[in-house]
Amino acid sequence: MAIDSEGGRCVSADIAAGISPAAALFHSLADETRLRIVQRLARGEARVVDLTTQLGLAQSTVSKHLACLRDCGLIDYRAEGRQSFYSLTRPELMDLLASAEQLLAATGHAVTLCPGPVEVTEEPVS
């Protein structure tokens, strides 16, 4: 699952059916807000109100990103009374992010955004 850029909602598995699981995983982590949420949850569980305060974001924004991460199976919550406490479900995610940090350090943070799909045109044969 990933939040689409137009409506701010999660793209369902039906819509994203053509995306490989690896691409879908990285797409779900390709948002700075979701990475910040994951980094915060790596320190322990948190409520939406905790995340909004600590990250300086609106409740609706945090809730949408939590739903996306939950749909991806990366986080879950436990209810306690009227409160929900969110936590990471996959500790391997932190290993993945640590490897990404090492890669960034090794490349001198020289990673740039890809320009998008490359259009290939055939050259005429002479």
C-alpha atoms as a PDB file:
ATOM      1  CA  MET A   1       0.000   0.000   0.000  1.00  0.00           C
ATOM      2  CA  ALA A   2       1.069   3.524  -0.670  1.00  0.00           C
ATOM      3  CA  ILE A   3      -0.583   6.887  -0.378  1.00  0.00           C
ATOM      4  CA  ASP A   4      -1.337   8.339  -3.793  1.00  0.00           C
ATOM      5  CA  SER A   5      -0.055  11.810  -4.520  1.00  0.00           C
ATOM      6  CA  GLU A   6      -3.410  13.233  -5.612  1.00  0.00           C
ATOM      7  CA  GLY A   7      -5.924  12.175  -2.991  1.00  0.00           C
ATOM      8  CA  GLY A   8      -3.660  11.433  -0.041  1.00  0.00           C
ATOM      9  CA  ARG A   9      -5.234   8.013   0.418  1.00  0.00           C
ATOM     10  CA  CYS A  10      -3.812   4.525   0.246  1.00  0.00           C
ATOM     11  CA  VAL A  11      -3.698   2.851  -3.127  1.00  0.00           C
ATOM     12  CA  SER A  12      -5.464  -0.483  -2.803  1.00  0.00           C
ATOM     13  CA  ALA A  13      -3.865  -3.772  -3.743  1.00  0.00           C
ATOM     14  CA  ASP A  14      -6.258  -3.944  -6.690  1.00  0.00           C
ATOM     15  CA  ILE A  15      -4.996  -0.639  -8.088  1.00  0.00           C
ATOM     16  CA  ALA A  16      -1.367  -1.455  -7.390  1.00  0.00           C
ATOM     17  CA  ALA A  17      -1.652  -5.051  -8.664  1.00  0.00           C
ATOM     18  CA  GLY A  18       0.954  -4.435 -11.349  1.00  0.00           C
ATOM     19  CA  ILE A  19       3.611  -3.410  -8.833  1.00  0.00           C
ATOM     20  CA  SER A  20       6.038  -6.061  -7.570  1.00  0.00           C
ATOM     21  CA  PRO A  21       6.001  -6.646  -3.806  1.00  0.00           C
ATOM     22  CA  ALA A  22       9.506  -5.166  -3.447  1.00  0.00           C
ATOM     23  CA  ALA A  23       8.534  -2.035  -5.380  1.00  0.00           C
ATOM     24  CA  ALA A  24       5.356  -1.697  -3.301  1.00  0.00           C
ATOM     25  CA  LEU A  25       7.380  -1.974  -0.076  1.00  0.00           C
ATOM     26  CA  PHE A  26       9.849   0.707  -1.125  1.00  0.00           C
ATOM     27  CA  HIS A  27       7.036   2.883  -2.450  1.00  0.00           C
ATOM     28  CA  SER A  28       5.330   2.697   0.950  1.00  0.00           C
ATOM     29  CA  LEU A  29       8.591   3.855   2.567  1.00  0.00           C
ATOM     30  CA  ALA A  30       9.264   6.557  -0.023  1.00  0.00           C
ATOM     31  CA  ASP A  31       7.519   9.217   2.028  1.00  0.00           C
ATOM     32  CA  GLU A  32       9.416  11.267   4.598  1.00  0.00           C
ATOM     33  CA  THR A  33       6.453  11.416   6.971  1.00  0.00           C
ATOM     34  CA  ARG A  34       6.051   7.644   6.996  1.00  0.00           C
ATOM     35  CA  LEU A  35       9.788   7.243   7.604  1.00  0.00           C
ATOM     36  CA  ARG A  36       9.589   9.671  10.514  1.00  0.00           C
ATOM     37  CA  ILE A  37       6.676   7.704  11.963  1.00  0.00           C
ATOM     38  CA  VAL A  38       8.574   4.429  11.581  1.00  0.00           C
ATOM     39  CA  GLN A  39      11.665   5.938  13.238  1.00  0.00           C
ATOM     40  CA  ARG A  40       9.547   7.174  16.146  1.00  0.00           C
ATOM     41  CA  LEU A  41       7.806   3.811  16.548  1.00  0.00           C
ATOM     42  CA  ALA A  42      11.216   2.103  16.589  1.00  0.00           C
ATOM     43  CA  ARG A  43      11.683   3.723  20.010  1.00  0.00           C
ATOM     44  CA  GLY A  44       8.412   2.234  21.290  1.00  0.00           C
ATOM     45  CA  GLU A  45       4.688   2.382  20.852  1.00  0.00           C
ATOM     46  CA  ALA A  46       2.868   5.691  20.495  1.00  0.00           C
ATOM     47  CA  ARG A  47      -0.631   7.093  20.226  1.00  0.00           C
ATOM     48  CA  VAL A  48      -1.745   9.351  17.379  1.00  0.00           C
ATOM     49  CA  VAL A  49      -1.699  12.319  19.760  1.00  0.00           C
ATOM     50  CA  ASP A  50       1.921  11.503  20.691  1.00  0.00           C
ATOM     51  CA  LEU A  51       2.928  11.363  17.022  1.00  0.00           C
ATOM     52  CA  THR A  52       1.149  14.605  16.119  1.00  0.00           C
ATOM     53  CA  THR A  53       2.894  16.414  18.971  1.00  0.00           C
ATOM     54  CA  GLN A  54       6.335  14.917  18.391  1.00  0.00           C
ATOM     55  CA  LEU A  55       6.279  15.240  14.597  1.00  0.00           C
ATOM     56  CA  GLY A  56       4.406  18.541  14.397  1.00  0.00           C
ATOM     57  CA  LEU A  57       1.789  17.169  12.026  1.00  0.00           C
ATOM     58  CA  ALA A  58      -1.991  17.307  11.813  1.00  0.00           C
ATOM     59  CA  GLN A  59      -3.963  14.411  13.268  1.00  0.00           C
ATOM     60  CA  SER A  60      -5.526  13.622   9.891  1.00  0.00           C
ATOM     61  CA  THR A  61      -2.089  13.456   8.246  1.00  0.00           C
ATOM     62  CA  VAL A  62      -0.696  11.114  10.881  1.00  0.00           C
ATOM     63  CA  SER A  63      -3.810   8.920  10.754  1.00  0.00           C
ATOM     64  CA  LYS A  64      -3.617   8.550   6.959  1.00  0.00           C
ATOM     65  CA  HIS A  65       0.038   7.558   7.094  1.00  0.00           C
ATOM     66  CA  LEU A  66      -0.575   5.144   9.973  1.00  0.00           C
ATOM     67  CA  ALA A  67      -3.365   3.511   7.958  1.00  0.00           C
ATOM     68  CA  CYS A  68      -1.037   3.099   4.999  1.00  0.00           C
ATOM     69  CA  LEU A  69       1.726   1.549   7.106  1.00  0.00           C
ATOM     70  CA  ARG A  70      -0.831  -0.686   8.786  1.00  0.00           C
ATOM     71  CA  ASP A  71      -2.256  -1.806   5.422  1.00  0.00           C
ATOM     72  CA  CYS A  72       1.301  -2.746   4.446  1.00  0.00           C
ATOM     73  CA  GLY A  73       1.658  -4.869   7.580  1.00  0.00           C
ATOM     74  CA  LEU A  74       4.547  -2.782   8.891  1.00  0.00           C
ATOM     75  CA  ILE A  75       2.735  -1.492  11.986  1.00  0.00           C
ATOM     76  CA  ASP A  76      -0.267  -2.461  14.081  1.00  0.00           C
ATOM     77  CA  TYR A  77      -2.056  -1.151  17.128  1.00  0.00           C
ATOM     78  CA  ARG A  78      -3.498  -2.348  20.376  1.00  0.00           C
ATOM     79  CA  ALA A  79      -6.558  -0.782  21.910  1.00  0.00           C
ATOM     80  CA  GLU A  80      -6.585   0.249  25.531  1.00  0.00           C
ATOM     81  CA  GLY A  81      -9.888   1.799  26.453  1.00  0.00           C
ATOM     82  CA  ARG A  82     -10.550   4.520  23.882  1.00  0.00           C
ATOM     83  CA  GLN A  83      -6.878   4.864  22.961  1.00  0.00           C
ATOM     84  CA  SER A  84      -4.867   3.041  20.303  1.00  0.00           C
ATOM     85  CA  PHE A  85      -1.159   2.393  20.765  1.00  0.00           C
ATOM     86  CA  TYR A  86       0.775   1.890  17.508  1.00  0.00           C
ATOM     87  CA  SER A  87       3.954  -0.173  17.202  1.00  0.00           C
ATOM     88  CA  LEU A  88       6.163  -1.790  14.586  1.00  0.00           C
ATOM     89  CA  THR A  89       5.249  -5.343  13.621  1.00  0.00           C
ATOM     90  CA  ARG A  90       8.406  -6.105  11.663  1.00  0.00           C
ATOM     91  CA  PRO A  91      11.699  -5.440  13.481  1.00  0.00           C
ATOM     92  CA  GLU A  92      13.464  -6.350  10.223  1.00  0.00           C
ATOM     93  CA  LEU A  93      12.319  -2.985   8.935  1.00  0.00           C
ATOM     94  CA  MET A  94      14.880  -1.282  11.164  1.00  0.00           C
ATOM     95  CA  ASP A  95      17.617  -3.499   9.706  1.00  0.00           C
ATOM     96  CA  LEU A  96      16.517  -2.413   6.223  1.00  0.00           C
ATOM     97  CA  LEU A  97      16.606   1.261   7.195  1.00  0.00           C
ATOM     98  CA  ALA A  98      19.998   0.848   8.887  1.00  0.00           C
ATOM     99  CA  SER A  99      21.340  -0.712   5.672  1.00  0.00           C
ATOM    100  CA  ALA A 100      19.926   2.219   3.710  1.00  0.00           C
ATOM    101  CA  GLU A 101      21.719   4.644   6.049  1.00  0.00           C
ATOM    102  CA  GLN A 102      24.983   2.746   5.520  1.00  0.00           C
ATOM    103  CA  LEU A 103      24.482   2.885   1.765  1.00  0.00           C
ATOM    104  CA  LEU A 104      23.841   6.624   1.917  1.00  0.00           C
ATOM    105  CA  ALA A 105      26.966   7.135   4.014  1.00  0.00           C
ATOM    106  CA  ALA A 106      29.037   5.013   1.611  1.00  0.00           C
ATOM    107  CA  THR A 107      27.860   6.996  -1.410  1.00  0.00           C
ATOM    108  CA  GLY A 108      28.359  10.336   0.297  1.00  0.00           C
ATOM    109  CA  HIS A 109      24.602  10.869   0.170  1.00  0.00           C
ATOM    110  CA  ALA A 110      24.969  11.227  -3.599  1.00  0.00           C
ATOM    111  CA  VAL A 111      21.684   9.462  -4.284  1.00  0.00           C
ATOM    112  CA  THR A 112      19.430  11.535  -6.505  1.00  0.00           C
ATOM    113  CA  LEU A 113      15.882  11.057  -7.605  1.00  0.00           C
ATOM    114  CA  CYS A 114      15.476   9.101 -10.767  1.00  0.00           C
ATOM    115  CA  PRO A 115      14.183  11.241 -13.629  1.00  0.00           C
ATOM    116  CA  GLY A 116      11.247   8.866 -14.179  1.00  0.00           C
ATOM    117  CA  PRO A 117      10.538   6.370 -16.906  1.00  0.00           C
ATOM    118  CA  VAL A 118      13.085   6.356 -19.684  1.00  0.00           C
ATOM    119  CA  GLU A 119      11.601   6.324 -23.131  1.00  0.00           C
ATOM    120  CA  VAL A 120      13.524   4.120 -25.516  1.00  0.00           C
ATOM    121  CA  THR A 121      13.384   4.876 -29.213  1.00  0.00           C
ATOM    122  CA  GLU A 122      14.866   2.659 -31.844  1.00  0.00           C
ATOM    123  CA  GLU A 123      17.531   4.060 -34.099  1.00  0.00           C
ATOM    124  CA  PRO A 124      16.971   3.448 -37.808  1.00  0.00           C
ATOM    125  CA  VAL A 125      19.227   0.721 -39.180  1.00  0.00           C
ATOM    126  CA  SER A 126      21.420   1.948 -42.055  1.00  0.00           C
END
